[in-house]
């Protein structure tokens, strides 16, 4: 039974060999075979390129998986750092407290600056008033000087309770003192008395 199966195989082999020889004898079949080989090589090259791309993608995915695992490990180890987080929270609260203190100091300084500005404005107003008074005083002095030049009378302005002063005659080099009590004489009588003293 075993010899018979071997005999059948040999016969098939011989038959296949004969068919192959006949096939190879035909030039058209050789060209087809060569074309199939070229297509096979191109297909093999394309498959190799696809394999390399897939391999690269797998490596990229593996890198991303490793990075995710590392982040997961860091997150797990970070959870153990609660003490560090508490320390950072405490430092943040201290910084906020310092910021509040600086804000209060800034408000105090701003209030002081505003007060100083009000004082500066007040001093400037007083200086303007003083300047105006000085100008008025200078004008009054000039007016008094003019009156003294015309009338030869130098009034005494220190005592406002009475009308007093001096009549100066430069040509004669004479100084005469006068004094009137407004309670006892009218302004008209006082004026007439002064004119009489000037004209004498």
N, C-alpha and C. Protein backbone atom coordinates (compact mmCIF):
# COMPACT_ATOMS: atom_id res chain seq x y z
N UNK A 1 0.82 -1.18 0.00
CA UNK A 1 0.00 0.00 0.00
C UNK A 1 0.86 1.24 0.00
N UNK A 2 2.00 1.18 0.82
CA UNK A 2 2.94 2.30 0.86
C UNK A 2 3.64 2.45 -0.45
N UNK A 3 4.03 1.38 -1.15
CA UNK A 3 4.72 1.45 -2.44
C UNK A 3 3.84 2.06 -3.49
N UNK A 4 2.54 1.80 -3.45
CA UNK A 4 1.61 2.31 -4.43
C UNK A 4 1.48 3.83 -4.31
N UNK A 5 1.42 4.36 -3.06
CA UNK A 5 1.29 5.81 -2.87
C UNK A 5 2.55 6.50 -3.32
N UNK A 6 3.74 5.86 -3.09
CA UNK A 6 4.98 6.47 -3.53
C UNK A 6 5.00 6.50 -5.05
N UNK A 7 4.53 5.45 -5.74
CA UNK A 7 4.51 5.36 -7.18
C UNK A 7 3.61 6.46 -7.75
N UNK A 8 2.48 6.73 -7.10
CA UNK A 8 1.56 7.77 -7.58
C UNK A 8 2.23 9.12 -7.45
N UNK A 9 2.94 9.34 -6.39
CA UNK A 9 3.62 10.62 -6.19
C UNK A 9 4.69 10.84 -7.24
N UNK A 10 5.42 9.80 -7.56
CA UNK A 10 6.48 9.93 -8.56
C UNK A 10 5.87 10.22 -9.92
N UNK A 11 4.77 9.59 -10.22
CA UNK A 11 4.12 9.83 -11.49
C UNK A 11 3.63 11.27 -11.57
N UNK A 12 3.05 11.77 -10.48
CA UNK A 12 2.59 13.17 -10.45
C UNK A 12 3.76 14.12 -10.61
N UNK A 13 4.88 13.74 -9.98
CA UNK A 13 6.06 14.59 -10.05
C UNK A 13 6.59 14.65 -11.48
N UNK A 14 6.62 13.51 -12.12
CA UNK A 14 7.10 13.47 -13.51
C UNK A 14 6.15 14.29 -14.38
N UNK A 15 4.88 14.12 -14.15
CA UNK A 15 3.89 14.85 -14.94
C UNK A 15 4.04 16.35 -14.72
N UNK A 16 4.24 16.77 -13.46
CA UNK A 16 4.42 18.19 -13.15
C UNK A 16 5.67 18.73 -13.80
N UNK A 17 6.75 17.92 -13.78
CA UNK A 17 8.02 18.34 -14.40
C UNK A 17 7.85 18.53 -15.89
N UNK A 18 7.14 17.64 -16.49
CA UNK A 18 6.91 17.76 -17.93
C UNK A 18 6.13 19.03 -18.24
N UNK A 19 5.10 19.28 -17.41
CA UNK A 19 4.31 20.49 -17.63
C UNK A 19 5.16 21.74 -17.45
N UNK A 20 6.05 21.69 -16.46
CA UNK A 20 6.92 22.85 -16.19
C UNK A 20 7.87 23.09 -17.34
N UNK A 21 8.41 22.01 -17.90
CA UNK A 21 9.33 22.13 -19.04
C UNK A 21 8.61 22.73 -20.22
N UNK A 22 7.39 22.25 -20.46
CA UNK A 22 6.61 22.77 -21.57
C UNK A 22 6.28 24.24 -21.35
N UNK A 23 6.00 24.55 -20.10
CA UNK A 23 5.67 25.95 -19.76
C UNK A 23 6.86 26.86 -19.99
N UNK A 24 8.04 26.40 -19.56
CA UNK A 24 9.25 27.21 -19.69
C UNK A 24 9.70 27.33 -21.14
N UNK A 25 9.32 26.40 -21.95
CA UNK A 25 9.69 26.47 -23.36
C UNK A 25 8.97 27.61 -24.05
N UNK A 26 7.79 27.94 -23.57
CA UNK A 26 7.00 29.00 -24.18
C UNK A 26 7.54 30.37 -23.70
N UNK A 27 7.99 31.22 -24.65
CA UNK A 27 8.60 32.52 -24.31
C UNK A 27 7.59 33.45 -23.66
N UNK A 28 6.35 33.33 -24.09
CA UNK A 28 5.32 34.18 -23.52
C UNK A 28 5.15 33.89 -22.04
N UNK A 29 5.20 32.62 -21.71
CA UNK A 29 5.07 32.24 -20.31
C UNK A 29 6.25 32.73 -19.49
N UNK A 30 7.46 32.73 -20.10
CA UNK A 30 8.65 33.23 -19.38
C UNK A 30 8.49 34.71 -19.09
N UNK A 31 7.99 35.45 -20.07
CA UNK A 31 7.77 36.90 -19.84
C UNK A 31 6.76 37.14 -18.74
N UNK A 32 5.70 36.32 -18.77
CA UNK A 32 4.69 36.45 -17.71
C UNK A 32 5.29 36.16 -16.34
N UNK A 33 6.15 35.11 -16.31
CA UNK A 33 6.79 34.76 -15.04
C UNK A 33 7.72 35.88 -14.57
N UNK A 34 8.49 36.47 -15.52
CA UNK A 34 9.40 37.57 -15.16
C UNK A 34 8.62 38.77 -14.67
N UNK A 35 7.47 39.04 -15.32
CA UNK A 35 6.63 40.16 -14.90
C UNK A 35 6.05 39.91 -13.51
N UNK A 36 5.67 38.65 -13.30
CA UNK A 36 5.17 38.30 -11.96
C UNK A 36 6.25 38.49 -10.90
N UNK A 37 7.50 38.11 -11.25
CA UNK A 37 8.61 38.30 -10.31
C UNK A 37 8.84 39.78 -10.00
N UNK A 38 8.78 40.65 -11.04
CA UNK A 38 8.97 42.10 -10.84
C UNK A 38 7.86 42.65 -9.95
N UNK A 39 6.62 42.22 -10.24
CA UNK A 39 5.50 42.68 -9.42
C UNK A 39 5.65 42.18 -7.98
N UNK A 40 6.15 40.96 -7.86
CA UNK A 40 6.37 40.41 -6.53
C UNK A 40 7.41 41.23 -5.76
N UNK A 41 8.50 41.64 -6.48
CA UNK A 41 9.53 42.47 -5.83
C UNK A 41 8.96 43.83 -5.41
N UNK A 42 8.17 44.44 -6.33
CA UNK A 42 7.57 45.73 -6.00
C UNK A 42 6.63 45.61 -4.80
N UNK A 43 5.85 44.50 -4.81
CA UNK A 43 4.94 44.27 -3.69
C UNK A 43 5.71 44.06 -2.39
N UNK A 44 6.84 43.32 -2.51
CA UNK A 44 7.67 43.08 -1.33
C UNK A 44 8.24 44.41 -0.80
N UNK A 45 8.70 45.28 -1.74
CA UNK A 45 9.25 46.59 -1.33
C UNK A 45 8.19 47.45 -0.66
N UNK A 46 6.98 47.45 -1.26
CA UNK A 46 5.87 48.21 -0.68
C UNK A 46 5.50 47.68 0.70
N UNK A 47 5.48 46.36 0.81
CA UNK A 47 5.18 45.74 2.12
C UNK A 47 6.24 46.09 3.15
N UNK A 48 7.52 46.09 2.71
CA UNK A 48 8.60 46.46 3.64
C UNK A 48 8.44 47.90 4.13
N UNK A 49 8.08 48.82 3.16
CA UNK A 49 7.88 50.22 3.54
C UNK A 49 6.73 50.35 4.54
N UNK A 50 5.63 49.64 4.26
CA UNK A 50 4.48 49.67 5.18
C UNK A 50 4.87 49.09 6.54
N UNK A 51 5.66 48.05 6.51
CA UNK A 51 6.10 47.42 7.76
C UNK A 51 6.94 48.42 8.57
N UNK A 52 7.86 49.11 7.87
CA UNK A 52 8.71 50.10 8.57
C UNK A 52 7.86 51.22 9.16
N UNK A 53 6.84 51.69 8.38
CA UNK A 53 5.96 52.76 8.89
C UNK A 53 5.19 52.29 10.12
N UNK A 54 4.67 51.07 10.02
CA UNK A 54 3.92 50.52 11.17
C UNK A 54 4.84 50.36 12.38
N UNK A 55 6.09 49.93 12.10
CA UNK A 55 7.06 49.76 13.19
C UNK A 55 7.35 51.10 13.87
N UNK A 56 7.50 52.14 13.02
CA UNK A 56 7.77 53.49 13.56
C UNK A 56 6.59 53.98 14.39
N UNK A 57 5.35 53.76 13.87
CA UNK A 57 4.16 54.15 14.63
C UNK A 57 4.09 53.41 15.96
N UNK A 58 4.42 52.14 15.93
CA UNK A 58 4.43 51.36 17.18
C UNK A 58 5.43 51.93 18.18
N UNK A 59 6.61 52.32 17.65
CA UNK A 59 7.62 52.92 18.55
C UNK A 59 7.12 54.24 19.13
N UNK A 60 6.46 55.06 18.25
CA UNK A 60 5.91 56.34 18.74
C UNK A 60 4.86 56.10 19.82
N UNK A 61 3.97 55.13 19.58
CA UNK A 61 2.95 54.82 20.57
C UNK A 61 3.57 54.30 21.86
N UNK A 62 4.62 53.52 21.71
CA UNK A 62 5.30 52.99 22.89
C UNK A 62 5.93 54.13 23.69
N UNK A 63 6.53 55.11 22.95
CA UNK A 63 7.12 56.28 23.62
C UNK A 63 6.04 57.05 24.38
N UNK A 64 4.86 57.25 23.72
CA UNK A 64 3.78 57.97 24.38
C UNK A 64 3.27 57.20 25.60
N UNK A 65 3.18 55.88 25.47
CA UNK A 65 2.74 55.05 26.60
C UNK A 65 3.72 55.17 27.76
N UNK A 66 5.03 55.14 27.43
CA UNK A 66 6.06 55.29 28.47
C UNK A 66 5.96 56.65 29.15
N UNK A 67 5.72 57.72 28.33
CA UNK A 67 5.58 59.07 28.90
C UNK A 67 4.37 59.14 29.82
N UNK A 68 3.26 58.52 29.40
CA UNK A 68 2.07 58.51 30.24
C UNK A 68 2.33 57.77 31.55
N UNK A 69 3.05 56.65 31.45
CA UNK A 69 3.37 55.90 32.66
C UNK A 69 4.25 56.73 33.60
N UNK A 70 5.21 57.48 32.97
CA UNK A 70 6.09 58.31 33.79
C UNK A 70 5.29 59.41 34.48
N UNK A 71 4.35 60.04 33.72
CA UNK A 71 3.51 61.08 34.33
C UNK A 71 2.65 60.49 35.45
N UNK A 72 2.15 59.29 35.21
CA UNK A 72 1.35 58.63 36.24
C UNK A 72 2.17 58.39 37.49
N UNK A 73 3.42 57.92 37.29
CA UNK A 73 4.31 57.69 38.44
C UNK A 73 4.63 59.00 39.16
N UNK A 74 4.86 60.07 38.35
CA UNK A 74 5.14 61.37 38.97
C UNK A 74 3.94 61.87 39.75
N UNK A 75 2.72 61.64 39.17
CA UNK A 75 1.51 62.06 39.89
C UNK A 75 1.35 61.29 41.19
N UNK A 76 1.67 59.98 41.12
CA UNK A 76 1.59 59.18 42.34
C UNK A 76 2.61 59.63 43.37
N UNK A 77 3.83 59.93 42.89
CA UNK A 77 4.86 60.39 43.83
C UNK A 77 4.55 61.80 44.31
N UNK A 78 3.87 62.61 43.44
CA UNK A 78 3.49 63.97 43.84
C UNK A 78 2.45 63.95 44.93
N UNK A 79 1.61 62.96 44.92
CA UNK A 79 0.59 62.85 45.97
C UNK A 79 1.25 62.65 47.33
N UNK A 80 2.46 62.06 47.30
CA UNK A 80 3.17 61.85 48.56
C UNK A 80 3.76 63.16 49.09
N UNK A 81 3.83 64.20 48.20
CA UNK A 81 4.44 65.47 48.61
C UNK A 81 3.43 66.46 49.18
N UNK A 82 2.46 65.99 49.96
CA UNK A 82 1.47 66.88 50.57
C UNK A 82 2.13 67.90 51.49
N UNK A 83 3.19 67.51 52.14
CA UNK A 83 3.89 68.43 53.06
C UNK A 83 4.46 69.60 52.27
N UNK A 84 5.00 69.32 51.09
CA UNK A 84 5.55 70.39 50.26
C UNK A 84 4.44 71.33 49.79
N UNK A 85 3.27 70.76 49.44
CA UNK A 85 2.13 71.58 49.03
C UNK A 85 1.68 72.47 50.18
N UNK A 86 1.64 71.91 51.41
CA UNK A 86 1.27 72.70 52.58
C UNK A 86 2.25 73.84 52.80
N UNK A 87 3.55 73.56 52.59
CA UNK A 87 4.57 74.59 52.75
C UNK A 87 4.38 75.71 51.73
N UNK A 88 4.11 75.29 50.48
CA UNK A 88 3.88 76.29 49.42
C UNK A 88 2.63 77.12 49.72
N UNK A 89 1.59 76.45 50.25
CA UNK A 89 0.36 77.17 50.61
C UNK A 89 0.63 78.19 51.71
N UNK A 90 1.45 77.78 52.67
CA UNK A 90 1.80 78.69 53.77
C UNK A 90 2.58 79.89 53.25
N UNK A 91 3.55 79.62 52.35
CA UNK A 91 4.33 80.72 51.77
C UNK A 91 3.43 81.66 50.98
N UNK A 92 2.44 81.09 50.26
CA UNK A 92 1.51 81.92 49.50
C UNK A 92 0.69 82.81 50.43
N UNK A 93 0.22 82.26 51.54
CA UNK A 93 -0.55 83.06 52.50
C UNK A 93 0.31 84.17 53.10
N UNK A 94 1.60 83.86 53.39
CA UNK A 94 2.50 84.89 53.91
C UNK A 94 2.70 86.01 52.89
N UNK A 95 2.86 85.63 51.61
CA UNK A 95 3.03 86.63 50.56
C UNK A 95 1.78 87.50 50.44
N UNK A 96 0.60 86.87 50.53
CA UNK A 96 -0.64 87.64 50.46
C UNK A 96 -0.77 88.60 51.64
N UNK A 97 -0.34 88.13 52.83
CA UNK A 97 -0.37 88.99 54.02
C UNK A 97 0.56 90.19 53.83
N UNK A 98 1.78 89.91 53.30
CA UNK A 98 2.72 91.01 53.04
C UNK A 98 2.15 91.99 52.02
N UNK A 99 1.46 91.44 51.02
CA UNK A 99 0.87 92.30 50.00
C UNK A 99 -0.21 93.20 50.62
N UNK A 100 -1.02 92.62 51.54
CA UNK A 100 -2.04 93.43 52.21
C UNK A 100 -1.40 94.54 53.04
N UNK A 101 -0.32 94.19 53.76
CA UNK A 101 0.37 95.21 54.56
C UNK A 101 0.93 96.32 53.67
N UNK A 102 1.52 95.92 52.54
CA UNK A 102 2.05 96.92 51.62
C UNK A 102 0.94 97.80 51.06
N UNK A 103 -0.23 97.18 50.81
CA UNK A 103 -1.38 97.94 50.33
C UNK A 103 -1.83 98.98 51.35
N UNK A 104 -1.85 98.57 52.65
CA UNK A 104 -2.23 99.52 53.71
C UNK A 104 -1.21 100.64 53.83
N UNK A 105 0.09 100.28 53.77
CA UNK A 105 1.13 101.31 53.82
C UNK A 105 1.00 102.26 52.65
N UNK A 106 0.69 101.71 51.47
CA UNK A 106 0.53 102.55 50.29
C UNK A 106 -0.64 103.51 50.47
N UNK A 107 -1.74 103.02 51.07
CA UNK A 107 -2.89 103.90 51.33
C UNK A 107 -2.51 105.02 52.30
N UNK A 108 -1.75 104.68 53.35
CA UNK A 108 -1.33 105.70 54.32
C UNK A 108 -0.46 106.74 53.63
N UNK A 109 0.49 106.27 52.82
CA UNK A 109 1.38 107.20 52.11
C UNK A 109 0.58 108.07 51.15
N UNK A 110 -0.41 107.46 50.47
CA UNK A 110 -1.25 108.24 49.55
C UNK A 110 -2.02 109.31 50.30
N UNK A 111 -2.56 108.95 51.49
CA UNK A 111 -3.29 109.94 52.29
C UNK A 111 -2.36 111.07 52.71
N UNK A 112 -1.12 110.72 53.12
CA UNK A 112 -0.16 111.75 53.50
C UNK A 112 0.18 112.67 52.32
N UNK A 113 0.33 112.05 51.15
CA UNK A 113 0.62 112.86 49.95
C UNK A 113 -0.54 113.80 49.67
N UNK A 114 -1.78 113.29 49.81
CA UNK A 114 -2.95 114.15 49.58
C UNK A 114 -2.99 115.30 50.59
N UNK A 115 -2.69 114.99 51.88
CA UNK A 115 -2.66 116.05 52.90
C UNK A 115 -1.61 117.09 52.56
N UNK A 116 -0.42 116.60 52.16
CA UNK A 116 0.65 117.54 51.79
C UNK A 116 0.25 118.40 50.59
N UNK A 117 -0.47 117.78 49.66
CA UNK A 117 -0.92 118.55 48.49
C UNK A 117 -1.90 119.64 48.90
N UNK A 118 -2.83 119.28 49.85
CA UNK A 118 -3.77 120.29 50.35
C UNK A 118 -3.01 121.42 51.07
N UNK A 119 -2.02 121.03 51.87
CA UNK A 119 -1.23 122.04 52.57
C UNK A 119 -0.48 122.93 51.58
N UNK A 120 0.05 122.28 50.51
CA UNK A 120 0.77 123.07 49.50
C UNK A 120 -0.15 124.08 48.84
N UNK A 121 -1.38 123.62 48.51
CA UNK A 121 -2.35 124.52 47.89
C UNK A 121 -2.70 125.65 48.85
N UNK A 122 -2.89 125.31 50.14
CA UNK A 122 -3.21 126.34 51.14
C UNK A 122 -2.08 127.34 51.28
N UNK A 123 -0.83 126.82 51.33
CA UNK A 123 0.33 127.72 51.44
C UNK A 123 0.43 128.60 50.20
N UNK A 124 0.17 128.02 49.04
CA UNK A 124 0.22 128.80 47.80
C UNK A 124 -0.83 129.90 47.81
N UNK A 125 -2.04 129.57 48.32
CA UNK A 125 -3.10 130.60 48.41
C UNK A 125 -2.69 131.70 49.37
N UNK A 126 -2.11 131.29 50.52
CA UNK A 126 -1.66 132.30 51.49
C UNK A 126 -0.55 133.17 50.90
N UNK A 127 0.35 132.52 50.15
CA UNK A 127 1.44 133.29 49.54
C UNK A 127 0.89 134.31 48.55
N UNK A 128 -0.13 133.89 47.80
CA UNK A 128 -0.75 134.82 46.84
C UNK A 128 -1.41 135.99 47.59
N UNK A 129 -2.13 135.63 48.70
CA UNK A 129 -2.77 136.69 49.49
C UNK A 129 -1.73 137.63 50.07
N UNK A 130 -0.63 137.04 50.61
CA UNK A 130 0.44 137.86 51.19
C UNK A 130 1.07 138.76 50.14
N UNK A 131 1.28 138.21 48.96
CA UNK A 131 1.85 139.00 47.87
C UNK A 131 0.92 140.17 47.52
N UNK A 132 -0.40 139.86 47.48
CA UNK A 132 -1.37 140.91 47.18
C UNK A 132 -1.37 141.99 48.27
N UNK A 133 -1.28 141.54 49.54
CA UNK A 133 -1.24 142.51 50.65
C UNK A 133 0.02 143.37 50.58
N UNK A 134 1.15 142.71 50.22
CA UNK A 134 2.40 143.48 50.09
C UNK A 134 2.28 144.51 48.97
N UNK A 135 1.64 144.12 47.88
CA UNK A 135 1.45 145.07 46.78
C UNK A 135 0.55 146.22 47.21
N UNK A 136 -0.53 145.87 47.95
CA UNK A 136 -1.44 146.92 48.44
C UNK A 136 -0.73 147.84 49.43
N UNK A 137 0.12 147.23 50.29
CA UNK A 137 0.86 148.04 51.25
C UNK A 137 1.84 148.98 50.53
N UNK A 138 2.52 148.43 49.51
CA UNK A 138 3.44 149.25 48.74
C UNK A 138 2.69 150.39 48.05
N UNK A 139 1.50 150.07 47.50
CA UNK A 139 0.69 151.10 46.86
C UNK A 139 0.26 152.16 47.88
N UNK A 140 -0.13 151.69 49.08
CA UNK A 140 -0.53 152.63 50.14
C UNK A 140 0.64 153.51 50.57
N UNK A 141 1.84 152.89 50.66
CA UNK A 141 3.02 153.68 51.03
C UNK A 141 3.32 154.75 49.98
N UNK A 142 3.20 154.35 48.72
CA UNK A 142 3.45 155.32 47.66
C UNK A 142 2.41 156.44 47.66
N UNK A 143 1.15 156.02 47.92
CA UNK A 143 0.08 157.01 48.00
C UNK A 143 0.33 157.96 49.17
N UNK A 144 0.72 157.38 50.30
CA UNK A 144 1.01 158.20 51.49
C UNK A 144 2.19 159.13 51.24
N UNK A 145 3.19 158.59 50.52
CA UNK A 145 4.35 159.41 50.19
C UNK A 145 3.94 160.57 49.29
N UNK A 146 3.05 160.27 48.33
CA UNK A 146 2.57 161.34 47.45
C UNK A 146 1.79 162.38 48.26
N UNK A 147 0.88 161.90 49.16
CA UNK A 147 0.14 162.84 50.00
C UNK A 147 1.08 163.69 50.85
N UNK A 148 2.11 163.03 51.39
CA UNK A 148 3.07 163.76 52.24
C UNK A 148 3.82 164.80 51.43
N UNK A 149 4.14 164.48 50.18
CA UNK A 149 4.85 165.44 49.33
C UNK A 149 3.96 166.63 49.00
N UNK A 150 2.67 166.37 48.78
CA UNK A 150 1.75 167.44 48.41
C UNK A 150 1.35 168.27 49.63
N UNK A 151 1.04 167.60 50.74
CA UNK A 151 0.50 168.30 51.91
C UNK A 151 1.53 168.60 52.98
N UNK A 152 2.72 168.02 52.90
CA UNK A 152 3.76 168.14 53.93
C UNK A 152 3.32 167.56 55.27
N UNK A 153 2.32 166.63 55.23
CA UNK A 153 1.83 165.99 56.44
C UNK A 153 2.30 164.53 56.44
N UNK A 154 2.90 164.10 57.56
CA UNK A 154 3.27 162.70 57.76
C UNK A 154 2.43 162.19 58.91
N UNK A 155 1.41 161.37 58.62
CA UNK A 155 0.53 160.90 59.68
C UNK A 155 1.21 159.81 60.53
N UNK A 156 0.74 159.72 61.75
CA UNK A 156 1.17 158.65 62.65
C UNK A 156 0.11 157.56 62.60
N UNK A 157 0.47 156.44 62.01
CA UNK A 157 -0.52 155.36 61.81
C UNK A 157 -0.47 154.32 62.92
N UNK A 158 0.43 154.50 63.88
CA UNK A 158 0.55 153.50 64.94
C UNK A 158 -0.64 153.53 65.90
N UNK A 159 -1.12 154.73 66.23
CA UNK A 159 -2.23 154.87 67.18
C UNK A 159 -3.49 155.21 66.40
N UNK A 160 -4.39 154.23 66.27
CA UNK A 160 -5.61 154.44 65.48
C UNK A 160 -6.71 155.13 66.29
N UNK A 161 -6.50 155.37 67.62
CA UNK A 161 -7.53 155.98 68.45
C UNK A 161 -7.59 157.50 68.29
N UNK A 162 -6.55 158.07 67.69
CA UNK A 162 -6.54 159.52 67.49
C UNK A 162 -5.88 159.84 66.15
N UNK A 163 -6.12 161.06 65.70
CA UNK A 163 -5.52 161.52 64.45
C UNK A 163 -4.30 162.36 64.85
N UNK A 164 -3.10 161.86 64.47
CA UNK A 164 -1.88 162.57 64.89
C UNK A 164 -0.84 162.41 63.80
N UNK A 165 0.21 163.22 63.92
CA UNK A 165 1.30 163.15 62.96
C UNK A 165 2.17 164.39 63.06
N UNK A 166 2.86 164.67 61.95
CA UNK A 166 3.77 165.83 61.92
C UNK A 166 3.59 166.57 60.61
N UNK A 167 3.72 167.90 60.71
CA UNK A 167 3.75 168.75 59.51
C UNK A 167 5.19 169.16 59.32
N UNK A 168 5.73 168.84 58.13
CA UNK A 168 7.15 169.08 57.86
C UNK A 168 7.27 170.17 56.80
N UNK A 169 8.03 171.19 57.13
CA UNK A 169 8.34 172.23 56.16
C UNK A 169 9.83 172.14 55.88
N UNK A 170 10.18 171.65 54.72
CA UNK A 170 11.58 171.40 54.41
C UNK A 170 12.36 172.69 54.19
N UNK A 171 11.69 173.62 53.57
CA UNK A 171 12.41 174.89 53.31
C UNK A 171 12.84 175.55 54.62
N UNK A 172 11.92 175.57 55.60
CA UNK A 172 12.21 176.20 56.88
C UNK A 172 12.87 175.25 57.87
N UNK A 173 12.92 173.95 57.47
CA UNK A 173 13.46 172.91 58.34
C UNK A 173 12.75 172.90 59.68
N UNK A 174 11.40 172.91 59.61
CA UNK A 174 10.57 172.94 60.80
C UNK A 174 9.66 171.71 60.79
N UNK A 175 9.51 171.07 61.96
CA UNK A 175 8.60 169.94 62.13
C UNK A 175 7.63 170.30 63.25
N UNK A 176 6.33 170.27 62.93
CA UNK A 176 5.32 170.62 63.92
C UNK A 176 4.42 169.40 64.14
N UNK A 177 4.24 169.06 65.40
CA UNK A 177 3.43 167.92 65.75
C UNK A 177 1.97 168.35 65.90
N UNK A 178 1.03 167.44 65.46
CA UNK A 178 -0.39 167.71 65.64
C UNK A 178 -1.07 166.46 66.19
N UNK A 179 -2.22 166.70 66.84
CA UNK A 179 -2.98 165.60 67.41
C UNK A 179 -4.41 166.05 67.62
N UNK A 180 -5.37 165.25 67.15
CA UNK A 180 -6.80 165.55 67.27
C UNK A 180 -7.51 164.32 67.82
N UNK A 181 -8.51 164.57 68.63
CA UNK A 181 -9.31 163.48 69.19
C UNK A 181 -10.60 163.38 68.39
N UNK A 182 -10.84 162.28 67.64
CA UNK A 182 -12.05 162.16 66.82
C UNK A 182 -13.33 162.17 67.65
N UNK A 183 -13.21 161.84 68.93
CA UNK A 183 -14.41 161.84 69.77
C UNK A 183 -14.85 163.26 70.10
N UNK A 184 -13.92 164.21 70.06
CA UNK A 184 -14.23 165.59 70.44
C UNK A 184 -14.46 166.49 69.24
N UNK A 185 -13.93 166.09 68.09
CA UNK A 185 -14.08 166.93 66.89
C UNK A 185 -14.61 166.10 65.74
N UNK A 186 -15.36 166.80 64.87
CA UNK A 186 -15.86 166.13 63.68
C UNK A 186 -14.72 166.03 62.66
N UNK A 187 -14.92 165.19 61.66
CA UNK A 187 -13.92 165.02 60.61
C UNK A 187 -13.74 166.33 59.85
N UNK A 188 -14.85 167.08 59.69
CA UNK A 188 -14.77 168.35 58.97
C UNK A 188 -13.91 169.36 59.74
N UNK A 189 -14.14 169.46 61.05
CA UNK A 189 -13.36 170.38 61.87
C UNK A 189 -11.88 169.99 61.88
N UNK A 190 -11.62 168.68 61.95
CA UNK A 190 -10.24 168.19 61.96
C UNK A 190 -9.56 168.57 60.65
N UNK A 191 -10.27 168.40 59.54
CA UNK A 191 -9.72 168.71 58.21
C UNK A 191 -9.42 170.22 58.11
N UNK A 192 -10.34 171.04 58.56
CA UNK A 192 -10.13 172.50 58.51
C UNK A 192 -8.93 172.91 59.35
N UNK A 193 -8.80 172.30 60.53
CA UNK A 193 -7.67 172.63 61.40
C UNK A 193 -6.36 172.27 60.74
N UNK A 194 -6.33 171.09 60.07
CA UNK A 194 -5.09 170.67 59.38
C UNK A 194 -4.75 171.63 58.26
N UNK A 195 -5.74 172.06 57.47
CA UNK A 195 -5.46 172.97 56.36
C UNK A 195 -4.94 174.33 56.88
N UNK A 196 -5.48 174.74 57.99
CA UNK A 196 -4.99 176.00 58.57
C UNK A 196 -3.53 175.87 58.98
N UNK A 197 -3.19 174.71 59.57
CA UNK A 197 -1.80 174.49 59.99
C UNK A 197 -0.87 174.40 58.80
N UNK A 198 -1.33 173.85 57.68
CA UNK A 198 -0.48 173.73 56.48
C UNK A 198 -0.26 175.10 55.86
N UNK A 199 -1.33 175.89 55.82
CA UNK A 199 -1.25 177.18 55.13
C UNK A 199 -0.53 178.24 55.94
N UNK A 200 -0.31 178.05 57.21
CA UNK A 200 0.35 179.07 58.04
C UNK A 200 1.82 179.24 57.67
